[in-house]
Amino acid sequence: MDWRLGFNYFVEAFKTMKAQRLRSFITVMIIAIGILALVSTLTVVEALHTTFTGNLKERGANSFTIQRYANSLFRGRRHGRFLRKKVNPPITYREAKIFKQSYQFPGTRVSIFATVTSFAELGANGKKTGNNVRIDAGDENYVHVFHYTVDRGRSFTRAEVQRNAPVVIAGPEVIKTLFGRDNPVGKTIFYKGHKWKIVGVTSSRGSVFGGNQDNFLIVPLGTGRVLTSGRSGSVYRITVSVDNPEEYEMAKQHAITVMRRIRHLKPSAENNFGIRSSEQDLKDLQNMDSVLKTAAFVIGLITIFASSVALMNIMLVTVTERIREIGIRKAVGASMAAIRFQFLVETLTIALAGALVGIFLGVLSGWGVARLLEMRFSMPWTAVFWAILLTFVTAIVSGFYPALKASRANPIEALRYE
């Protein structure tokens, strides 16, 4: 087919849309709503993926954590409480210390840590924070293992951790609230009668899902034990970072062996502790992505199917209203194929216009949700590709029958149609 002839078909399609503005607008918006549902959902999924992947990279891809449980699987409920499939004993401070002393795998660092509270209120410089500051207790390797960057000051020394020195490392949000632009290193911060000297400030990591990742305080491990001394069930965890990715599995297996020896497990006994690796986090992220993308496609396909039915009905009405025009075209020599192609082009033009509107609104709404939840936005090119492909298929399917009906119209009867 001559390209000029094809271009004329698109020109005619735009003229028809202009002549029937209201109907064309309604049809375009019907298609746009279907594409909007698909693209916006996939945009949010892509933002989730980018955010979680970025957080994993910040935490370090080559690390694993020994903790009480590897996951959160439950077997049911009793008396309103969830019951686990297997109850593991918590990791004690003594076990964690023995592990750190015994684990001597080359090219690794071990950090023992625990969360003291997530609802601390701190004071300094005549000011107070809200009661939403997280306090973690860690050792001299905590900052390195969790890939924090000390922006000002320094990290803990081993001697400070061993003698429970009254020193802390603060997140930038805490410093901003209490000290503003002043240099806080060397100054004192207060918490429930405790006085600590700030020795370091980490660089900012921003917020995720409205939760500020910079609103925290790190105290030496022994200080954390003092703060939780009257509390039962303190949860200690051990994180190991591996410098060489090729030795990651060997390092993890060695850690399991050391922990089993500490807990005096028999060779036939199962592990009564959990290993949570960055690899597992990535696998869980991929599974979540798969579920969310499947749900997005199902929602989008249902909406697009409804749009295709509406588009077909509108095109059938258009064919009926333009039957006299079809008769004139046939009378002057237009072939069935030319009539059929003309209506297919009109359907495709309307559908693509709806797709462009839907893609724009979908990306815009996805960007808005990402900004609202403070996620990392990235352009969802995969969603755009699928939106255009599905629109093209929808236009062909929806426009085929109306185009076929138009091409088969009897020219004599069409000319007499009023």
Protein backbone atom coordinates (compact mmCIF):
# COMPACT_ATOMS: atom_id res chain seq x y z
CA MET A 1 0.00 0.00 0.00
CA ASP A 2 1.23 3.48 -0.89
CA TRP A 3 2.27 5.35 2.28
CA ARG A 4 0.39 8.43 1.10
CA LEU A 5 -2.81 6.40 0.94
CA GLY A 6 -2.22 5.12 4.47
CA PHE A 7 -1.56 8.68 5.64
CA ASN A 8 -4.85 9.79 4.08
CA TYR A 9 -6.67 7.12 6.09
CA PHE A 10 -5.26 8.59 9.32
CA VAL A 11 -6.17 12.11 8.18
CA GLU A 12 -9.72 10.94 7.54
CA ALA A 13 -9.79 9.29 10.94
CA PHE A 14 -8.82 12.56 12.64
CA LYS A 15 -11.44 14.45 10.62
CA THR A 16 -14.07 11.95 11.76
CA MET A 17 -12.96 12.32 15.40
CA LYS A 18 -13.15 16.11 15.06
CA ALA A 19 -16.63 15.93 13.52
CA GLN A 20 -17.83 13.67 16.36
CA ARG A 21 -16.04 15.30 19.25
CA LEU A 22 -18.25 14.12 22.11
CA ARG A 23 -18.37 10.50 21.01
CA SER A 24 -14.65 10.47 20.26
CA PHE A 25 -13.89 12.01 23.65
CA ILE A 26 -16.00 9.43 25.48
CA THR A 27 -14.37 6.58 23.53
CA VAL A 28 -10.87 7.92 24.16
CA MET A 29 -11.57 8.23 27.90
CA ILE A 30 -12.97 4.68 28.06
CA ILE A 31 -9.72 3.36 26.60
CA ALA A 32 -7.68 5.73 28.77
CA ILE A 33 -9.29 4.43 31.96
CA GLY A 34 -8.29 0.86 31.11
CA ILE A 35 -4.71 1.85 30.29
CA LEU A 36 -4.60 4.10 33.37
CA ALA A 37 -5.44 1.15 35.64
CA LEU A 38 -2.69 -0.97 34.09
CA VAL A 39 0.07 1.63 33.83
CA SER A 40 -0.49 3.26 37.23
CA THR A 41 -0.40 -0.10 39.03
CA LEU A 42 2.72 -1.24 37.18
CA THR A 43 4.34 2.15 37.84
CA VAL A 44 3.80 1.76 41.59
CA VAL A 45 5.11 -1.84 41.43
CA GLU A 46 8.21 -0.60 39.60
CA ALA A 47 8.71 2.12 42.24
CA LEU A 48 8.41 -0.51 44.99
CA HIS A 49 10.99 -2.68 43.24
CA THR A 50 13.41 0.22 42.75
CA THR A 51 13.01 1.32 46.38
CA PHE A 52 13.53 -2.12 47.91
CA THR A 53 16.43 -2.94 45.59
CA GLY A 54 18.08 0.35 46.50
CA ASN A 55 17.63 -0.37 50.21
CA LEU A 56 19.17 -3.82 49.78
CA LYS A 57 22.16 -2.26 48.05
CA GLU A 58 22.53 0.27 50.86
CA ARG A 59 22.44 -2.51 53.45
CA GLY A 60 24.98 -4.51 51.48
CA ALA A 61 24.25 -7.37 49.11
CA ASN A 62 26.81 -9.71 50.67
CA SER A 63 25.56 -10.01 54.22
CA PHE A 64 23.43 -12.38 56.27
CA THR A 65 21.83 -12.19 59.71
CA ILE A 66 21.55 -14.90 62.35
CA GLN A 67 18.37 -14.36 64.30
CA ARG A 68 15.71 -16.28 66.16
CA TYR A 69 13.58 -16.99 63.06
CA ALA A 70 14.33 -16.83 59.37
CA ASN A 71 10.79 -15.71 58.50
CA SER A 72 7.35 -15.06 59.95
CA LEU A 73 5.53 -18.31 59.17
CA PHE A 74 2.75 -19.22 61.60
CA ARG A 75 0.78 -22.42 62.02
CA GLY A 76 -2.40 -20.87 63.41
CA ARG A 77 -3.89 -19.01 66.37
CA ARG A 78 -4.76 -19.94 69.93
CA HIS A 79 -6.36 -17.62 72.46
CA GLY A 80 -5.86 -14.72 70.07
CA ARG A 81 -2.11 -15.30 69.68
CA PHE A 82 -0.24 -16.49 66.60
CA LEU A 83 1.69 -19.73 67.00
CA ARG A 84 4.82 -20.52 65.02
CA LYS A 85 5.40 -23.82 63.27
CA LYS A 86 8.53 -24.24 65.37
CA VAL A 87 9.50 -22.34 68.51
CA ASN A 88 13.19 -21.40 68.58
CA PRO A 89 14.98 -20.17 71.71
CA PRO A 90 16.02 -16.52 71.44
CA ILE A 91 19.66 -15.70 70.77
CA THR A 92 21.19 -14.62 74.06
CA TYR A 93 23.87 -12.00 74.57
CA ARG A 94 26.26 -14.74 75.74
CA GLU A 95 25.69 -16.82 72.57
CA ALA A 96 26.20 -13.76 70.37
CA LYS A 97 29.47 -12.89 72.12
CA ILE A 98 30.75 -16.46 71.82
CA PHE A 99 29.84 -16.50 68.13
CA LYS A 100 31.72 -13.27 67.46
CA GLN A 101 34.81 -14.63 69.23
CA SER A 102 34.61 -18.06 67.52
CA TYR A 103 33.77 -17.01 63.98
CA GLN A 104 37.08 -16.41 62.24
CA PHE A 105 36.21 -16.69 58.55
CA PRO A 106 38.65 -14.58 56.44
CA GLY A 107 37.35 -11.38 54.85
CA THR A 108 34.28 -11.02 57.10
CA ARG A 109 33.09 -8.70 59.83
CA VAL A 110 30.65 -9.62 62.58
CA SER A 111 28.30 -7.21 64.32
CA ILE A 112 26.05 -7.91 67.31
CA PHE A 113 23.09 -5.58 67.65
CA ALA A 114 19.66 -5.20 69.21
CA THR A 115 16.83 -2.70 69.02
CA VAL A 116 16.43 -0.95 72.37
CA THR A 117 13.29 1.01 71.51
CA SER A 118 11.53 2.61 68.58
CA PHE A 119 9.76 5.26 70.67
CA ALA A 120 12.50 7.28 72.35
CA GLU A 121 12.28 10.98 73.15
CA LEU A 122 15.66 12.70 73.24
CA GLY A 123 16.70 16.08 74.57
CA ALA A 124 19.63 18.40 73.98
CA ASN A 125 20.42 22.07 73.59
CA GLY A 126 17.14 23.00 75.29
CA LYS A 127 15.11 21.14 72.65
CA LYS A 128 13.33 17.79 72.40
CA THR A 129 12.55 15.31 69.64
CA GLY A 130 9.27 13.52 69.21
CA ASN A 131 8.87 10.14 70.86
CA ASN A 132 9.58 8.34 67.58
CA VAL A 133 13.38 7.99 67.65
CA ARG A 134 14.73 4.47 67.20
CA ILE A 135 17.62 3.47 69.47
CA ASP A 136 19.80 0.58 68.36
CA ALA A 137 22.59 -0.97 70.39
CA GLY A 138 25.58 -2.09 68.34
CA ASP A 139 29.25 -2.84 68.49
CA GLU A 140 32.26 -1.30 66.75
CA ASN A 141 31.38 -3.08 63.46
CA TYR A 142 27.73 -1.96 63.32
CA VAL A 143 28.30 1.08 61.11
CA HIS A 144 30.45 -0.88 58.65
CA VAL A 145 28.20 -3.95 58.43
CA PHE A 146 25.06 -1.88 57.77
CA HIS A 147 26.90 0.38 55.32
CA TYR A 148 26.32 3.65 57.13
CA THR A 149 28.57 6.53 56.14
CA VAL A 150 29.81 8.66 59.03
CA ASP A 151 29.43 12.19 57.71
CA ARG A 152 30.88 13.96 60.75
CA GLY A 153 32.97 12.59 63.60
CA ARG A 154 33.71 8.86 63.82
CA SER A 155 32.35 5.45 64.71
CA PHE A 156 32.76 3.59 68.02
CA THR A 157 36.08 2.10 69.00
CA ARG A 158 36.33 -1.43 70.38
CA ALA A 159 37.48 -0.04 73.73
CA GLU A 160 34.38 2.20 73.97
CA VAL A 161 32.12 -0.78 73.33
CA GLN A 162 33.93 -2.97 75.85
CA ARG A 163 33.73 -0.42 78.67
CA ASN A 164 30.21 0.83 77.80
CA ALA A 165 31.43 4.36 77.19
CA PRO A 166 28.69 7.05 77.25
CA VAL A 167 29.00 7.82 73.54
CA VAL A 168 26.49 7.69 70.67
CA ILE A 169 26.25 7.97 66.89
CA ALA A 170 23.23 9.93 65.72
CA GLY A 171 21.16 10.03 62.56
CA PRO A 172 20.95 13.37 60.71
CA GLU A 173 17.24 13.87 61.51
CA VAL A 174 17.94 13.78 65.26
CA ILE A 175 20.78 16.28 64.82
CA LYS A 176 18.64 18.57 62.67
CA THR A 177 15.89 18.62 65.31
CA LEU A 178 18.16 19.23 68.32
CA PHE A 179 21.12 21.20 66.95
CA GLY A 180 20.02 22.70 63.64
CA ARG A 181 23.10 23.67 61.63
CA ASP A 182 25.51 23.56 64.60
CA ASN A 183 28.22 20.92 64.72
CA PRO A 184 26.97 18.38 67.31
CA VAL A 185 30.16 16.31 67.62
CA GLY A 186 31.34 16.40 71.22
CA LYS A 187 28.05 17.75 72.55
CA THR A 188 25.75 15.99 75.02
CA ILE A 189 22.40 14.33 74.35
CA PHE A 190 19.95 13.15 77.05
CA TYR A 191 17.59 10.17 77.34
CA LYS A 192 15.75 9.25 80.56
CA GLY A 193 18.48 10.51 82.86
CA HIS A 194 21.33 9.18 80.73
CA LYS A 195 23.93 11.59 79.31
CA TRP A 196 25.81 10.61 76.17
CA LYS A 197 28.43 12.37 74.10
CA ILE A 198 27.87 12.47 70.33
CA VAL A 199 30.96 11.12 68.57
CA GLY A 200 29.54 10.72 65.04
CA VAL A 201 26.73 11.65 62.67
CA THR A 202 25.75 9.48 59.70
CA SER A 203 24.84 10.73 56.25
CA SER A 204 21.21 10.85 55.20
CA ARG A 205 19.32 7.87 53.74
CA GLY A 206 16.01 9.66 53.28
CA SER A 207 12.53 8.27 53.89
CA VAL A 208 10.62 5.21 52.70
CA PHE A 209 6.80 4.85 52.95
CA GLY A 210 6.72 7.92 55.17
CA GLY A 211 9.18 6.38 57.63
CA ASN A 212 12.30 8.43 58.24
CA GLN A 213 15.45 6.29 58.01
CA ASP A 214 17.54 9.07 59.59
CA ASN A 215 15.69 9.35 62.90
CA PHE A 216 17.81 7.04 65.06
CA LEU A 217 20.53 6.77 67.67
CA ILE A 218 23.20 4.07 67.98
CA VAL A 219 24.54 3.31 71.45
CA PRO A 220 27.26 0.81 72.45
CA LEU A 221 26.00 -2.73 72.91
CA GLY A 222 26.59 -2.75 76.68
CA THR A 223 24.68 0.51 77.07
CA GLY A 224 21.77 -1.12 75.28
CA ARG A 225 21.89 -4.01 77.75
CA VAL A 226 21.66 -1.53 80.63
CA LEU A 227 18.66 0.21 79.05
CA THR A 228 16.82 -3.11 78.60
CA SER A 229 17.94 -4.74 81.86
CA GLY A 230 14.46 -4.72 83.34
CA ARG A 231 12.87 -6.01 80.17
CA SER A 232 12.43 -9.70 79.36
CA GLY A 233 13.11 -11.19 75.98
CA SER A 234 15.76 -8.81 74.60
CA VAL A 235 16.31 -9.81 70.97
CA TYR A 236 19.93 -10.02 69.81
CA ARG A 237 20.89 -10.52 66.21
CA ILE A 238 24.20 -11.19 64.52
CA THR A 239 24.99 -9.81 61.07
CA VAL A 240 28.00 -10.95 59.06
CA SER A 241 29.25 -9.02 56.04
CA VAL A 242 31.40 -10.81 53.47
CA ASP A 243 33.95 -8.84 51.45
CA ASN A 244 34.34 -11.42 48.65
CA PRO A 245 30.99 -12.38 47.01
CA GLU A 246 32.50 -15.66 45.78
CA GLU A 247 33.02 -16.79 49.38
CA TYR A 248 29.53 -15.78 50.52
CA GLU A 249 28.05 -19.30 50.66
CA MET A 250 31.11 -20.72 52.37
CA ALA A 251 30.99 -17.95 54.96
CA LYS A 252 27.29 -18.58 55.59
CA GLN A 253 27.76 -22.35 55.97
CA HIS A 254 30.63 -21.77 58.37
CA ALA A 255 28.43 -19.44 60.42
CA ILE A 256 25.73 -22.12 60.63
CA THR A 257 28.33 -24.65 61.79
CA VAL A 258 29.64 -22.31 64.49
CA MET A 259 26.12 -21.47 65.73
CA ARG A 260 25.11 -25.14 65.85
CA ARG A 261 28.23 -25.88 67.90
CA ILE A 262 27.40 -23.06 70.32
CA ARG A 263 23.90 -24.46 70.80
CA HIS A 264 25.17 -28.05 71.10
CA LEU A 265 22.95 -29.36 68.34
CA LYS A 266 23.30 -32.99 67.26
CA PRO A 267 24.17 -33.67 63.60
CA SER A 268 20.64 -34.97 62.93
CA ALA A 269 18.91 -32.03 64.66
CA GLU A 270 17.43 -29.13 62.70
CA ASN A 271 18.69 -25.60 63.19
CA ASN A 272 16.90 -23.88 66.08
CA PHE A 273 17.82 -20.45 64.75
CA GLY A 274 17.20 -18.60 61.50
CA ILE A 275 19.46 -17.26 58.75
CA ARG A 276 18.17 -14.23 56.90
CA SER A 277 20.28 -13.37 53.86
CA SER A 278 20.21 -10.55 51.36
CA GLU A 279 19.69 -13.28 48.76
CA GLN A 280 16.48 -14.31 50.55
CA ASP A 281 15.35 -10.69 50.73
CA LEU A 282 15.90 -10.38 46.97
CA LYS A 283 13.97 -13.60 46.36
CA ASP A 284 11.07 -12.38 48.50
CA LEU A 285 11.15 -9.09 46.60
CA GLN A 286 10.94 -10.94 43.27
CA ASN A 287 8.02 -13.05 44.55
CA MET A 288 6.22 -9.91 45.71
CA ASP A 289 6.91 -8.27 42.35
CA SER A 290 5.47 -11.29 40.54
CA VAL A 291 2.27 -11.25 42.62
CA LEU A 292 1.78 -7.50 42.26
CA LYS A 293 2.47 -7.52 38.52
CA THR A 294 0.05 -10.42 38.01
CA ALA A 295 -2.60 -8.55 39.97
CA ALA A 296 -1.90 -5.41 37.92
CA PHE A 297 -2.27 -7.31 34.66
CA VAL A 298 -5.52 -8.95 35.80
CA ILE A 299 -6.98 -5.59 36.85
CA GLY A 300 -5.76 -3.95 33.66
CA LEU A 301 -7.02 -6.74 31.39
CA ILE A 302 -10.48 -6.69 32.99
CA THR A 303 -10.69 -2.92 32.53
CA ILE A 304 -9.33 -3.11 28.98
CA PHE A 305 -11.80 -5.89 28.12
CA ALA A 306 -14.67 -3.67 29.27
CA SER A 307 -13.14 -0.85 27.22
CA SER A 308 -12.96 -3.07 24.12
CA VAL A 309 -16.65 -3.96 24.39
CA ALA A 310 -17.55 -0.28 24.71
CA LEU A 311 -15.28 0.60 21.78
CA MET A 312 -16.86 -2.08 19.59
CA ASN A 313 -20.39 -0.87 20.38
CA ILE A 314 -19.46 2.74 19.63
CA MET A 315 -17.87 1.75 16.32
CA LEU A 316 -20.99 -0.26 15.39
CA VAL A 317 -23.10 2.84 16.04
CA THR A 318 -20.64 4.85 13.94
CA VAL A 319 -20.95 2.38 11.04
CA THR A 320 -24.76 2.55 11.22
CA GLU A 321 -24.74 6.36 11.20
CA ARG A 322 -22.29 6.51 8.29
CA ILE A 323 -23.88 3.81 6.16
CA ARG A 324 -24.85 6.34 3.48
CA GLU A 325 -21.24 7.57 3.32
CA ILE A 326 -20.13 3.95 2.89
CA GLY A 327 -22.60 3.54 0.01
CA ILE A 328 -21.21 6.63 -1.75
CA ARG A 329 -17.61 5.37 -1.36
CA LYS A 330 -18.55 2.00 -2.81
CA ALA A 331 -20.47 3.65 -5.65
CA VAL A 332 -17.36 5.58 -6.72
CA GLY A 333 -15.21 2.44 -6.67
CA ALA A 334 -13.98 1.88 -3.11
CA SER A 335 -13.23 -1.80 -2.50
CA MET A 336 -14.36 -3.85 0.50
CA ALA A 337 -10.74 -4.01 1.69
CA ALA A 338 -10.43 -0.19 1.53
CA ILE A 339 -13.66 0.31 3.53
CA ARG A 340 -12.56 -2.31 6.06
CA PHE A 341 -9.11 -0.78 6.43
CA GLN A 342 -10.58 2.71 6.82
CA PHE A 343 -12.69 1.73 9.83
CA LEU A 344 -9.85 -0.29 11.35
CA VAL A 345 -7.60 2.77 11.10
CA GLU A 346 -10.27 4.92 12.75
CA THR A 347 -10.63 2.40 15.58
CA LEU A 348 -6.86 2.19 15.98
CA THR A 349 -6.50 5.99 15.99
CA ILE A 350 -9.11 6.40 18.72
CA ALA A 351 -7.58 3.55 20.76
CA LEU A 352 -4.04 4.92 20.48
CA ALA A 353 -5.25 8.37 21.49
CA GLY A 354 -6.83 6.76 24.55
CA ALA A 355 -3.61 4.84 25.21
CA LEU A 356 -1.50 8.01 25.15
CA VAL A 357 -3.86 9.74 27.57
CA GLY A 358 -3.96 6.63 29.79
CA ILE A 359 -0.16 6.25 29.78
CA PHE A 360 0.33 9.91 30.69
CA LEU A 361 -2.24 9.78 33.50
CA GLY A 362 -0.96 6.37 34.66
CA VAL A 363 2.66 7.47 34.90
CA LEU A 364 1.60 10.73 36.54
CA SER A 365 -0.54 8.97 39.16
CA GLY A 366 2.19 6.38 39.77
CA TRP A 367 4.72 9.19 40.24
CA GLY A 368 2.32 10.88 42.65
CA VAL A 369 1.91 7.71 44.73
CA ALA A 370 5.69 7.19 44.73
CA ARG A 371 6.24 10.76 45.97
CA LEU A 372 3.49 10.40 48.58
CA LEU A 373 5.00 7.17 49.95
CA GLU A 374 8.54 8.53 49.47
CA MET A 375 9.60 5.77 47.11
CA ARG A 376 12.16 5.95 44.33
CA PHE A 377 10.39 6.59 41.04
CA SER A 378 11.65 5.15 37.76
CA MET A 379 10.03 5.29 34.34
CA PRO A 380 8.02 2.07 33.79
CA TRP A 381 9.02 1.37 30.18
CA THR A 382 7.73 -2.22 30.45
CA ALA A 383 4.28 -0.92 31.42
CA VAL A 384 4.32 1.53 28.50
CA PHE A 385 5.24 -1.27 26.09
CA TRP A 386 2.44 -3.54 27.34
CA ALA A 387 -0.05 -0.67 27.30
CA ILE A 388 0.67 0.10 23.63
CA LEU A 389 0.64 -3.59 22.67
CA LEU A 390 -2.64 -4.30 24.47
CA THR A 391 -4.18 -1.16 22.97
CA PHE A 392 -3.20 -2.28 19.48
CA VAL A 393 -4.67 -5.76 20.05
CA THR A 394 -7.81 -4.25 21.60
CA ALA A 395 -8.28 -1.92 18.61
CA ILE A 396 -7.93 -4.76 16.10
CA VAL A 397 -10.30 -7.05 18.01
CA SER A 398 -12.85 -4.32 18.72
CA GLY A 399 -12.73 -2.77 15.26
CA PHE A 400 -12.69 -5.92 13.16
CA TYR A 401 -16.41 -6.72 13.29
CA PRO A 402 -17.60 -3.10 12.75
CA ALA A 403 -15.12 -2.77 9.85
CA LEU A 404 -16.29 -6.08 8.38
CA LYS A 405 -19.93 -5.00 8.68
CA ALA A 406 -19.13 -1.70 6.97
CA SER A 407 -17.30 -3.41 4.10
CA ARG A 408 -20.17 -5.82 3.45
CA ALA A 409 -22.82 -3.12 3.25
CA ASN A 410 -24.89 -3.23 0.04
CA PRO A 411 -24.13 0.04 -1.81
CA ILE A 412 -27.66 0.38 -3.26
CA GLU A 413 -29.37 -0.10 0.11
CA ALA A 414 -26.71 2.10 1.75
CA LEU A 415 -27.44 4.97 -0.66
CA ARG A 416 -31.19 4.75 0.17
CA TYR A 417 -30.49 4.74 3.93
CA GLU A 418 -31.88 7.79 5.76
